[in-house]
Amino acid sequence: MRIKYSPQVNDVYKINYTIEDETIAAVCNGFVNSYNLSLLCDDFYKESVFDGEIVIEAYIAETVFDFVPIINAYRDEAGELYVELLNFISNDASEEEKYPGWLEV
């Protein structure tokens, strides 16, 4: 699985993630929400074009938060899972936090 933390400035909240296999747990302000991406069925997928490649996108909407921590999740043609996660950063965040790349987990 590859993860990308998508930055959004928010000095009030901080999100922490725990990743195990294809399950992602998000913790924010005392609330926890888990997303098991391996259980998504075809009803949750749609085919689209992303950077010239056909990918399967999964849209995750159910959450206990006032926001959806999973911005995007899809599998490439080889079946590798890519997940873009919301990451609250402060105004004085590092360059690495402001401009993240994909991480293999």
PDB file of N, CA and C in Angstrom:
ATOM      1  N   MET A   1       0.843  -1.171   0.000  1.00  0.00           N
ATOM      2  CA  MET A   1       0.000   0.000   0.000  1.00  0.00           C
ATOM      3  C   MET A   1       0.888   1.232   0.000  1.00  0.00           C
ATOM      4  N   ARG A   2       0.417   2.248  -0.712  1.00  0.00           N
ATOM      5  CA  ARG A   2       1.117   3.531  -0.727  1.00  0.00           C
ATOM      6  C   ARG A   2       0.196   4.586  -0.130  1.00  0.00           C
ATOM      7  N   ILE A   3       0.790   5.433   0.704  1.00  0.00           N
ATOM      8  CA  ILE A   3       0.049   6.457   1.431  1.00  0.00           C
ATOM      9  C   ILE A   3       0.617   7.828   1.083  1.00  0.00           C
ATOM     10  N   LYS A   4      -0.269   8.796   0.931  1.00  0.00           N
ATOM     11  CA  LYS A   4       0.143  10.189   0.763  1.00  0.00           C
ATOM     12  C   LYS A   4      -0.672  11.029   1.739  1.00  0.00           C
ATOM     13  N   TYR A   5       0.015  11.829   2.535  1.00  0.00           N
ATOM     14  CA  TYR A   5      -0.649  12.701   3.500  1.00  0.00           C
ATOM     15  C   TYR A   5      -0.899  14.055   2.848  1.00  0.00           C
ATOM     16  N   SER A   6      -2.168  14.372   2.625  1.00  0.00           N
ATOM     17  CA  SER A   6      -2.550  15.604   1.951  1.00  0.00           C
ATOM     18  C   SER A   6      -2.728  16.722   2.978  1.00  0.00           C
ATOM     19  N   PRO A   7      -1.889  17.751   2.925  1.00  0.00           N
ATOM     20  CA  PRO A   7      -1.894  18.776   3.974  1.00  0.00           C
ATOM     21  C   PRO A   7      -3.066  19.751   3.874  1.00  0.00           C
ATOM     22  N   GLN A   8      -3.548  20.114   5.053  1.00  0.00           N
ATOM     23  CA  GLN A   8      -4.537  21.183   5.190  1.00  0.00           C
ATOM     24  C   GLN A   8      -4.193  21.925   6.477  1.00  0.00           C
ATOM     25  N   VAL A   9      -4.080  23.248   6.390  1.00  0.00           N
ATOM     26  CA  VAL A   9      -3.720  24.029   7.577  1.00  0.00           C
ATOM     27  C   VAL A   9      -4.879  24.012   8.565  1.00  0.00           C
ATOM     28  N   ASN A  10      -4.579  23.589   9.785  1.00  0.00           N
ATOM     29  CA  ASN A  10      -5.553  23.550  10.875  1.00  0.00           C
ATOM     30  C   ASN A  10      -4.756  23.513  12.177  1.00  0.00           C
ATOM     31  N   ASP A  11      -4.739  24.620  12.887  1.00  0.00           N
ATOM     32  CA  ASP A  11      -3.971  24.694  14.133  1.00  0.00           C
ATOM     33  C   ASP A  11      -4.732  24.146  15.335  1.00  0.00           C
ATOM     34  N   VAL A  12      -5.988  23.749  15.137  1.00  0.00           N
ATOM     35  CA  VAL A  12      -6.812  23.274  16.249  1.00  0.00           C
ATOM     36  C   VAL A  12      -6.728  21.761  16.409  1.00  0.00           C
ATOM     37  N   TYR A  13      -6.851  21.026  15.310  1.00  0.00           N
ATOM     38  CA  TYR A  13      -6.899  19.569  15.374  1.00  0.00           C
ATOM     39  C   TYR A  13      -5.639  18.930  14.813  1.00  0.00           C
ATOM     40  N   LYS A  14      -5.402  17.708  15.242  1.00  0.00           N
ATOM     41  CA  LYS A  14      -4.309  16.877  14.735  1.00  0.00           C
ATOM     42  C   LYS A  14      -4.875  15.484  14.511  1.00  0.00           C
ATOM     43  N   ILE A  15      -4.574  14.879  13.376  1.00  0.00           N
ATOM     44  CA  ILE A  15      -5.018  13.521  13.079  1.00  0.00           C
ATOM     45  C   ILE A  15      -3.820  12.590  13.168  1.00  0.00           C
ATOM     46  N   ASN A  16      -4.008  11.466  13.840  1.00  0.00           N
ATOM     47  CA  ASN A  16      -2.999  10.416  13.880  1.00  0.00           C
ATOM     48  C   ASN A  16      -3.583   9.180  13.209  1.00  0.00           C
ATOM     49  N   TYR A  17      -2.751   8.473  12.478  1.00  0.00           N
ATOM     50  CA  TYR A  17      -3.195   7.276  11.765  1.00  0.00           C
ATOM     51  C   TYR A  17      -2.397   6.065  12.212  1.00  0.00           C
ATOM     52  N   THR A  18      -3.102   4.933  12.277  1.00  0.00           N
ATOM     53  CA  THR A  18      -2.475   3.638  12.482  1.00  0.00           C
ATOM     54  C   THR A  18      -2.856   2.784  11.283  1.00  0.00           C
ATOM     55  N   ILE A  19      -1.870   2.163  10.665  1.00  0.00           N
ATOM     56  CA  ILE A  19      -2.118   1.380   9.457  1.00  0.00           C
ATOM     57  C   ILE A  19      -1.659  -0.046   9.696  1.00  0.00           C
ATOM     58  N   GLU A  20      -2.587  -0.988   9.461  1.00  0.00           N
ATOM     59  CA  GLU A  20      -2.262  -2.404   9.588  1.00  0.00           C
ATOM     60  C   GLU A  20      -2.914  -3.138   8.424  1.00  0.00           C
ATOM     61  N   ASP A  21      -2.114  -3.791   7.613  1.00  0.00           N
ATOM     62  CA  ASP A  21      -2.583  -4.413   6.379  1.00  0.00           C
ATOM     63  C   ASP A  21      -3.313  -3.357   5.551  1.00  0.00           C
ATOM     64  N   GLU A  22      -4.592  -3.555   5.253  1.00  0.00           N
ATOM     65  CA  GLU A  22      -5.358  -2.573   4.478  1.00  0.00           C
ATOM     66  C   GLU A  22      -6.418  -1.902   5.349  1.00  0.00           C
ATOM     67  N   THR A  23      -6.152  -1.844   6.647  1.00  0.00           N
ATOM     68  CA  THR A  23      -7.047  -1.151   7.579  1.00  0.00           C
ATOM     69  C   THR A  23      -6.350   0.092   8.110  1.00  0.00           C
ATOM     70  N   ILE A  24      -7.063   1.212   8.044  1.00  0.00           N
ATOM     71  CA  ILE A  24      -6.524   2.486   8.515  1.00  0.00           C
ATOM     72  C   ILE A  24      -7.418   2.988   9.637  1.00  0.00           C
ATOM     73  N   ALA A  25      -6.819   3.266  10.798  1.00  0.00           N
ATOM     74  CA  ALA A  25      -7.544   3.853  11.919  1.00  0.00           C
ATOM     75  C   ALA A  25      -7.115   5.307  12.053  1.00  0.00           C
ATOM     76  N   ALA A  26      -8.101   6.206  12.080  1.00  0.00           N
ATOM     77  CA  ALA A  26      -7.840   7.641  12.239  1.00  0.00           C
ATOM     78  C   ALA A  26      -8.288   8.045  13.635  1.00  0.00           C
ATOM     79  N   VAL A  27      -7.431   8.816  14.332  1.00  0.00           N
ATOM     80  CA  VAL A  27      -7.740   9.295  15.674  1.00  0.00           C
ATOM     81  C   VAL A  27      -7.639  10.813  15.661  1.00  0.00           C
ATOM     82  N   CYS A  28      -8.730  11.477  16.105  1.00  0.00           N
ATOM     83  CA  CYS A  28      -8.742  12.933  16.159  1.00  0.00           C
ATOM     84  C   CYS A  28      -9.666  13.391  17.269  1.00  0.00           C
ATOM     85  N   ASN A  29      -9.142  14.216  18.157  1.00  0.00           N
ATOM     86  CA  ASN A  29      -9.941  14.832  19.212  1.00  0.00           C
ATOM     87  C   ASN A  29     -10.683  13.805  20.060  1.00  0.00           C
ATOM     88  N   GLY A  30     -10.047  12.672  20.335  1.00  0.00           N
ATOM     89  CA  GLY A  30     -10.637  11.637  21.167  1.00  0.00           C
ATOM     90  C   GLY A  30     -11.550  10.666  20.439  1.00  0.00           C
ATOM     91  N   PHE A  31     -11.811  10.878  19.166  1.00  0.00           N
ATOM     92  CA  PHE A  31     -12.652   9.982  18.377  1.00  0.00           C
ATOM     93  C   PHE A  31     -11.785   9.103  17.497  1.00  0.00           C
ATOM     94  N   VAL A  32     -12.259   7.870  17.268  1.00  0.00           N
ATOM     95  CA  VAL A  32     -11.528   6.911  16.434  1.00  0.00           C
ATOM     96  C   VAL A  32     -12.478   6.386  15.362  1.00  0.00           C
ATOM     97  N   ASN A  33     -11.987   6.286  14.141  1.00  0.00           N
ATOM     98  CA  ASN A  33     -12.751   5.686  13.057  1.00  0.00           C
ATOM     99  C   ASN A  33     -11.806   4.778  12.277  1.00  0.00           C
ATOM    100  N   SER A  34     -12.245   3.547  12.027  1.00  0.00           N
ATOM    101  CA  SER A  34     -11.434   2.594  11.262  1.00  0.00           C
ATOM    102  C   SER A  34     -12.048   2.359   9.899  1.00  0.00           C
ATOM    103  N   TYR A  35     -11.184   2.187   8.920  1.00  0.00           N
ATOM    104  CA  TYR A  35     -11.586   1.950   7.539  1.00  0.00           C
ATOM    105  C   TYR A  35     -10.859   0.720   7.032  1.00  0.00           C
ATOM    106  N   ASN A  36     -11.603  -0.352   6.798  1.00  0.00           N
ATOM    107  CA  ASN A  36     -11.011  -1.570   6.269  1.00  0.00           C
ATOM    108  C   ASN A  36     -11.181  -1.555   4.757  1.00  0.00           C
ATOM    109  N   LEU A  37     -10.160  -1.147   4.056  1.00  0.00           N
ATOM    110  CA  LEU A  37     -10.239  -0.985   2.611  1.00  0.00           C
ATOM    111  C   LEU A  37     -10.209  -2.310   1.863  1.00  0.00           C
ATOM    112  N   SER A  38      -9.802  -3.392   2.521  1.00  0.00           N
ATOM    113  CA  SER A  38      -9.790  -4.694   1.855  1.00  0.00           C
ATOM    114  C   SER A  38     -11.194  -5.246   1.683  1.00  0.00           C
ATOM    115  N   LEU A  39     -12.156  -4.729   2.430  1.00  0.00           N
ATOM    116  CA  LEU A  39     -13.521  -5.235   2.362  1.00  0.00           C
ATOM    117  C   LEU A  39     -14.395  -4.511   1.355  1.00  0.00           C
ATOM    118  N   LEU A  40     -13.857  -3.505   0.695  1.00  0.00           N
ATOM    119  CA  LEU A  40     -14.663  -2.779  -0.283  1.00  0.00           C
ATOM    120  C   LEU A  40     -15.037  -3.699  -1.435  1.00  0.00           C
ATOM    121  N   CYS A  41     -16.311  -3.676  -1.817  1.00  0.00           N
ATOM    122  CA  CYS A  41     -16.768  -4.509  -2.925  1.00  0.00           C
ATOM    123  C   CYS A  41     -16.942  -3.656  -4.172  1.00  0.00           C
ATOM    124  N   ASP A  42     -17.299  -4.297  -5.268  1.00  0.00           N
ATOM    125  CA  ASP A  42     -17.413  -3.606  -6.551  1.00  0.00           C
ATOM    126  C   ASP A  42     -18.415  -2.461  -6.522  1.00  0.00           C
ATOM    127  N   ASP A  43     -19.413  -2.527  -5.646  1.00  0.00           N
ATOM    128  CA  ASP A  43     -20.413  -1.463  -5.564  1.00  0.00           C
ATOM    129  C   ASP A  43     -19.802  -0.131  -5.154  1.00  0.00           C
ATOM    130  N   PHE A  44     -18.630  -0.159  -4.516  1.00  0.00           N
ATOM    131  CA  PHE A  44     -17.987   1.059  -4.046  1.00  0.00           C
ATOM    132  C   PHE A  44     -16.958   1.595  -5.039  1.00  0.00           C
ATOM    133  N   TYR A  45     -16.759   0.895  -6.121  1.00  0.00           N
ATOM    134  CA  TYR A  45     -15.712   1.261  -7.059  1.00  0.00           C
ATOM    135  C   TYR A  45     -16.279   1.879  -8.328  1.00  0.00           C
ATOM    136  N   LYS A  46     -15.488   2.701  -8.970  1.00  0.00           N
ATOM    137  CA  LYS A  46     -15.801   3.171 -10.312  1.00  0.00           C
ATOM    138  C   LYS A  46     -14.489   3.288 -11.068  1.00  0.00           C
ATOM    139  N   GLU A  47     -14.553   2.993 -12.338  1.00  0.00           N
ATOM    140  CA  GLU A  47     -13.352   3.084 -13.163  1.00  0.00           C
ATOM    141  C   GLU A  47     -13.184   4.514 -13.649  1.00  0.00           C
ATOM    142  N   SER A  48     -11.968   5.010 -13.635  1.00  0.00           N
ATOM    143  CA  SER A  48     -11.710   6.347 -14.148  1.00  0.00           C
ATOM    144  C   SER A  48     -10.279   6.414 -14.665  1.00  0.00           C
ATOM    145  N   VAL A  49      -9.949   7.533 -15.263  1.00  0.00           N
ATOM    146  CA  VAL A  49      -8.597   7.729 -15.784  1.00  0.00           C
ATOM    147  C   VAL A  49      -7.852   8.665 -14.845  1.00  0.00           C
ATOM    148  N   PHE A  50      -6.663   8.268 -14.426  1.00  0.00           N
ATOM    149  CA  PHE A  50      -5.842   9.047 -13.508  1.00  0.00           C
ATOM    150  C   PHE A  50      -4.436   9.064 -14.063  1.00  0.00           C
ATOM    151  N   ASP A  51      -3.965  10.236 -14.426  1.00  0.00           N
ATOM    152  CA  ASP A  51      -2.619  10.373 -15.007  1.00  0.00           C
ATOM    153  C   ASP A  51      -2.406   9.410 -16.173  1.00  0.00           C
ATOM    154  N   GLY A  52      -3.438   9.248 -17.002  1.00  0.00           N
ATOM    155  CA  GLY A  52      -3.309   8.397 -18.165  1.00  0.00           C
ATOM    156  C   GLY A  52      -3.508   6.923 -17.911  1.00  0.00           C
ATOM    157  N   GLU A  53      -3.694   6.506 -16.644  1.00  0.00           N
ATOM    158  CA  GLU A  53      -3.891   5.098 -16.327  1.00  0.00           C
ATOM    159  C   GLU A  53      -5.314   4.877 -15.855  1.00  0.00           C
ATOM    160  N   ILE A  54      -5.872   3.725 -16.196  1.00  0.00           N
ATOM    161  CA  ILE A  54      -7.195   3.373 -15.683  1.00  0.00           C
ATOM    162  C   ILE A  54      -7.010   2.859 -14.257  1.00  0.00           C
ATOM    163  N   VAL A  55      -7.760   3.432 -13.332  1.00  0.00           N
ATOM    164  CA  VAL A  55      -7.665   3.024 -11.931  1.00  0.00           C
ATOM    165  C   VAL A  55      -9.058   2.763 -11.389  1.00  0.00           C
ATOM    166  N   ILE A  56      -9.105   2.080 -10.285  1.00  0.00           N
ATOM    167  CA  ILE A  56     -10.352   1.850  -9.571  1.00  0.00           C
ATOM    168  C   ILE A  56     -10.345   2.778  -8.366  1.00  0.00           C
ATOM    169  N   GLU A  57     -11.356   3.628  -8.257  1.00  0.00           N
ATOM    170  CA  GLU A  57     -11.428   4.580  -7.154  1.00  0.00           C
ATOM    171  C   GLU A  57     -12.466   4.120  -6.139  1.00  0.00           C
ATOM    172  N   ALA A  58     -12.158   4.287  -4.879  1.00  0.00           N
ATOM    173  CA  ALA A  58     -13.095   3.951  -3.812  1.00  0.00           C
ATOM    174  C   ALA A  58     -13.437   5.228  -3.071  1.00  0.00           C
ATOM    175  N   TYR A  59     -14.692   5.455  -2.867  1.00  0.00           N
ATOM    176  CA  TYR A  59     -15.113   6.648  -2.153  1.00  0.00           C
ATOM    177  C   TYR A  59     -15.591   6.251  -0.763  1.00  0.00           C
ATOM    178  N   ILE A  60     -14.988   6.824   0.249  1.00  0.00           N
ATOM    179  CA  ILE A  60     -15.292   6.513   1.640  1.00  0.00           C
ATOM    180  C   ILE A  60     -16.043   7.694   2.227  1.00  0.00           C
ATOM    181  N   ALA A  61     -17.274   7.476   2.684  1.00  0.00           N
ATOM    182  CA  ALA A  61     -18.074   8.594   3.168  1.00  0.00           C
ATOM    183  C   ALA A  61     -18.442   8.481   4.643  1.00  0.00           C
ATOM    184  N   GLU A  62     -18.525   7.280   5.194  1.00  0.00           N
ATOM    185  CA  GLU A  62     -18.965   7.133   6.578  1.00  0.00           C
ATOM    186  C   GLU A  62     -17.829   7.464   7.540  1.00  0.00           C
ATOM    187  N   THR A  63     -18.129   8.339   8.507  1.00  0.00           N
ATOM    188  CA  THR A  63     -17.108   8.758   9.472  1.00  0.00           C
ATOM    189  C   THR A  63     -17.767   9.320  10.721  1.00  0.00           C
ATOM    190  N   VAL A  64     -17.070   9.257  11.843  1.00  0.00           N
ATOM    191  CA  VAL A  64     -17.565   9.871  13.092  1.00  0.00           C
ATOM    192  C   VAL A  64     -17.092  11.319  13.197  1.00  0.00           C
ATOM    193  N   PHE A  65     -16.250  11.735  12.279  1.00  0.00           N
ATOM    194  CA  PHE A  65     -15.698  13.081  12.304  1.00  0.00           C
ATOM    195  C   PHE A  65     -16.582  14.054  11.526  1.00  0.00           C
ATOM    196  N   ASP A  66     -16.266  15.343  11.633  1.00  0.00           N
ATOM    197  CA  ASP A  66     -16.939  16.363  10.830  1.00  0.00           C
ATOM    198  C   ASP A  66     -16.302  16.476   9.448  1.00  0.00           C
ATOM    199  N   PHE A  67     -15.390  15.610   9.139  1.00  0.00           N
ATOM    200  CA  PHE A  67     -14.648  15.604   7.878  1.00  0.00           C
ATOM    201  C   PHE A  67     -14.371  14.154   7.513  1.00  0.00           C
ATOM    202  N   VAL A  68     -14.000  13.927   6.282  1.00  0.00           N
ATOM    203  CA  VAL A  68     -13.646  12.577   5.828  1.00  0.00           C
ATOM    204  C   VAL A  68     -12.125  12.500   5.739  1.00  0.00           C
ATOM    205  N   PRO A  69     -11.485  11.680   6.580  1.00  0.00           N
ATOM    206  CA  PRO A  69     -10.018  11.637   6.576  1.00  0.00           C
ATOM    207  C   PRO A  69      -9.416  10.964   5.351  1.00  0.00           C
ATOM    208  N   ILE A  70     -10.182  10.102   4.674  1.00  0.00           N
ATOM    209  CA  ILE A  70      -9.673   9.477   3.453  1.00  0.00           C
ATOM    210  C   ILE A  70     -10.158  10.305   2.274  1.00  0.00           C
ATOM    211  N   ILE A  71      -9.237  11.000   1.646  1.00  0.00           N
ATOM    212  CA  ILE A  71      -9.563  11.872   0.525  1.00  0.00           C
ATOM    213  C   ILE A  71      -9.810  11.054  -0.736  1.00  0.00           C
ATOM    214  N   ASN A  72      -8.971  10.049  -0.951  1.00  0.00           N
ATOM    215  CA  ASN A  72      -9.108   9.212  -2.128  1.00  0.00           C
ATOM    216  C   ASN A  72      -8.431   7.875  -1.860  1.00  0.00           C
ATOM    217  N   ALA A  73      -8.986   6.827  -2.440  1.00  0.00           N
ATOM    218  CA  ALA A  73      -8.383   5.502  -2.344  1.00  0.00           C
ATOM    219  C   ALA A  73      -8.665   4.781  -3.648  1.00  0.00           C
ATOM    220  N   TYR A  74      -7.633   4.171  -4.204  1.00  0.00           N
ATOM    221  CA  TYR A  74      -7.817   3.451  -5.460  1.00  0.00           C
ATOM    222  C   TYR A  74      -6.746   2.384  -5.602  1.00  0.00           C
ATOM    223  N   ARG A  75      -7.029   1.441  -6.483  1.00  0.00           N
ATOM    224  CA  ARG A  75      -6.045   0.411  -6.832  1.00  0.00           C
ATOM    225  C   ARG A  75      -5.602   0.638  -8.269  1.00  0.00           C
ATOM    226  N   ASP A  76      -4.304   0.473  -8.512  1.00  0.00           N
ATOM    227  CA  ASP A  76      -3.829   0.568  -9.887  1.00  0.00           C
ATOM    228  C   ASP A  76      -4.114  -0.759 -10.593  1.00  0.00           C
ATOM    229  N   GLU A  77      -3.721  -0.859 -11.853  1.00  0.00           N
ATOM    230  CA  GLU A  77      -4.004  -2.072 -12.624  1.00  0.00           C
ATOM    231  C   GLU A  77      -3.355  -3.312 -12.033  1.00  0.00           C
ATOM    232  N   ALA A  78      -2.261  -3.139 -11.299  1.00  0.00           N
ATOM    233  CA  ALA A  78      -1.577  -4.263 -10.673  1.00  0.00           C
ATOM    234  C   ALA A  78      -2.213  -4.645  -9.338  1.00  0.00           C
ATOM    235  N   GLY A  79      -3.195  -3.855  -8.873  1.00  0.00           N
ATOM    236  CA  GLY A  79      -3.883  -4.169  -7.621  1.00  0.00           C
ATOM    237  C   GLY A  79      -3.303  -3.488  -6.403  1.00  0.00           C
ATOM    238  N   GLU A  80      -2.261  -2.662  -6.581  1.00  0.00           N
ATOM    239  CA  GLU A  80      -1.682  -1.971  -5.434  1.00  0.00           C
ATOM    240  C   GLU A  80      -2.608  -0.853  -4.970  1.00  0.00           C
ATOM    241  N   LEU A  81      -2.795  -0.773  -3.672  1.00  0.00           N
ATOM    242  CA  LEU A  81      -3.698   0.202  -3.076  1.00  0.00           C
ATOM    243  C   LEU A  81      -2.971   1.518  -2.825  1.00  0.00           C
ATOM    244  N   TYR A  82      -3.584   2.620  -3.265  1.00  0.00           N
ATOM    245  CA  TYR A  82      -3.084   3.970  -3.026  1.00  0.00           C
ATOM    246  C   TYR A  82      -4.134   4.700  -2.203  1.00  0.00           C
ATOM    247  N   VAL A  83      -3.698   5.322  -1.102  1.00  0.00           N
ATOM    248  CA  VAL A  83      -4.630   6.027  -0.221  1.00  0.00           C
ATOM    249  C   VAL A  83      -4.084   7.415   0.077  1.00  0.00           C
ATOM    250  N   GLU A  84      -4.922   8.417  -0.142  1.00  0.00           N
ATOM    251  CA  GLU A  84      -4.567   9.796   0.183  1.00  0.00           C
ATOM    252  C   GLU A  84      -5.318  10.182   1.456  1.00  0.00           C
ATOM    253  N   LEU A  85      -4.564  10.534   2.500  1.00  0.00           N
ATOM    254  CA  LEU A  85      -5.136  10.832   3.809  1.00  0.00           C
ATOM    255  C   LEU A  85      -5.005  12.311   4.146  1.00  0.00           C
ATOM    256  N   LEU A  86      -6.044  12.847   4.763  1.00  0.00           N
ATOM    257  CA  LEU A  86      -6.025  14.223   5.238  1.00  0.00           C
ATOM    258  C   LEU A  86      -4.994  14.356   6.357  1.00  0.00           C
ATOM    259  N   ASN A  87      -4.194  15.401   6.299  1.00  0.00           N
ATOM    260  CA  ASN A  87      -3.184  15.644   7.328  1.00  0.00           C
ATOM    261  C   ASN A  87      -3.243  17.113   7.730  1.00  0.00           C
ATOM    262  N   PHE A  88      -3.717  17.378   8.951  1.00  0.00           N
ATOM    263  CA  PHE A  88      -3.754  18.752   9.433  1.00  0.00           C
ATOM    264  C   PHE A  88      -2.343  19.192   9.800  1.00  0.00           C
ATOM    265  N   ILE A  89      -1.953  20.347   9.275  1.00  0.00           N
ATOM    266  CA  ILE A  89      -0.631  20.895   9.572  1.00  0.00           C
ATOM    267  C   ILE A  89      -0.799  22.314  10.109  1.00  0.00           C
ATOM    268  N   SER A  90       0.231  22.809  10.762  1.00  0.00           N
ATOM    269  CA  SER A  90       0.210  24.178  11.284  1.00  0.00           C
ATOM    270  C   SER A  90       0.764  25.134  10.232  1.00  0.00           C
ATOM    271  N   ASN A  91       0.587  26.416  10.476  1.00  0.00           N
ATOM    272  CA  ASN A  91       1.109  27.433   9.559  1.00  0.00           C
ATOM    273  C   ASN A  91       2.619  27.352   9.399  1.00  0.00           C
ATOM    274  N   ASP A  92       3.314  26.900  10.437  1.00  0.00           N
ATOM    275  CA  ASP A  92       4.772  26.823  10.379  1.00  0.00           C
ATOM    276  C   ASP A  92       5.268  25.389  10.100  1.00  0.00           C
ATOM    277  N   ALA A  93       4.490  24.625   9.344  1.00  0.00           N
ATOM    278  CA  ALA A  93       4.854  23.245   9.017  1.00  0.00           C
ATOM    279  C   ALA A  93       6.136  23.211   8.180  1.00  0.00           C
ATOM    280  N   SER A  94       6.820  22.082   8.252  1.00  0.00           N
ATOM    281  CA  SER A  94       8.055  21.902   7.475  1.00  0.00           C
ATOM    282  C   SER A  94       7.720  21.748   5.986  1.00  0.00           C
ATOM    283  N   GLU A  95       8.727  21.918   5.149  1.00  0.00           N
ATOM    284  CA  GLU A  95       8.559  21.744   3.708  1.00  0.00           C
ATOM    285  C   GLU A  95       8.093  20.326   3.391  1.00  0.00           C
ATOM    286  N   GLU A  96       8.609  19.351   4.130  1.00  0.00           N
ATOM    287  CA  GLU A  96       8.222  17.951   3.927  1.00  0.00           C
ATOM    288  C   GLU A  96       6.734  17.745   4.214  1.00  0.00           C
ATOM    289  N   GLU A  97       6.215  18.411   5.245  1.00  0.00           N
ATOM    290  CA  GLU A  97       4.791  18.310   5.571  1.00  0.00           C
ATOM    291  C   GLU A  97       3.929  19.040   4.537  1.00  0.00           C
ATOM    292  N   LYS A  98       4.421  20.148   4.020  1.00  0.00           N
ATOM    293  CA  LYS A  98       3.660  20.926   3.040  1.00  0.00           C
ATOM    294  C   LYS A  98       3.608  20.260   1.673  1.00  0.00           C
ATOM    295  N   TYR A  99       4.660  19.550   1.298  1.00  0.00           N
ATOM    296  CA  TYR A  99       4.768  18.957  -0.031  1.00  0.00           C
ATOM    297  C   TYR A  99       5.133  17.480   0.075  1.00  0.00           C
ATOM    298  N   PRO A 100       4.192  16.663   0.548  1.00  0.00           N
ATOM    299  CA  PRO A 100       4.510  15.239   0.769  1.00  0.00           C
ATOM    300  C   PRO A 100       4.512  14.428  -0.523  1.00  0.00           C
ATOM    301  N   GLY A 101       5.223  13.336  -0.486  1.00  0.00           N
ATOM    302  CA  GLY A 101       5.218  12.380  -1.604  1.00  0.00           C
ATOM    303  C   GLY A 101       4.538  11.086  -1.152  1.00  0.00           C
ATOM    304  N   TRP A 102       4.500  10.123  -2.022  1.00  0.00           N
ATOM    305  CA  TRP A 102       3.907   8.830  -1.692  1.00  0.00           C
ATOM    306  C   TRP A 102       4.885   8.026  -0.840  1.00  0.00           C
ATOM    307  N   LEU A 103       4.345   7.361   0.184  1.00  0.00           N
ATOM    308  CA  LEU A 103       5.136   6.512   1.077  1.00  0.00           C
ATOM    309  C   LEU A 103       4.668   5.074   0.945  1.00  0.00           C
ATOM    310  N   GLU A 104       5.584   4.139   0.914  1.00  0.00           N
ATOM    311  CA  GLU A 104       5.196   2.733   0.894  1.00  0.00           C
ATOM    312  C   GLU A 104       5.115   2.224   2.322  1.00  0.00           C
ATOM    313  N   VAL A 105       3.970   1.634   2.664  1.00  0.00           N
ATOM    314  CA  VAL A 105       3.783   1.095   4.030  1.00  0.00           C
ATOM    315  C   VAL A 105       3.470  -0.376   3.981  1.00  0.00           C
TER     316      VAL A 105
END
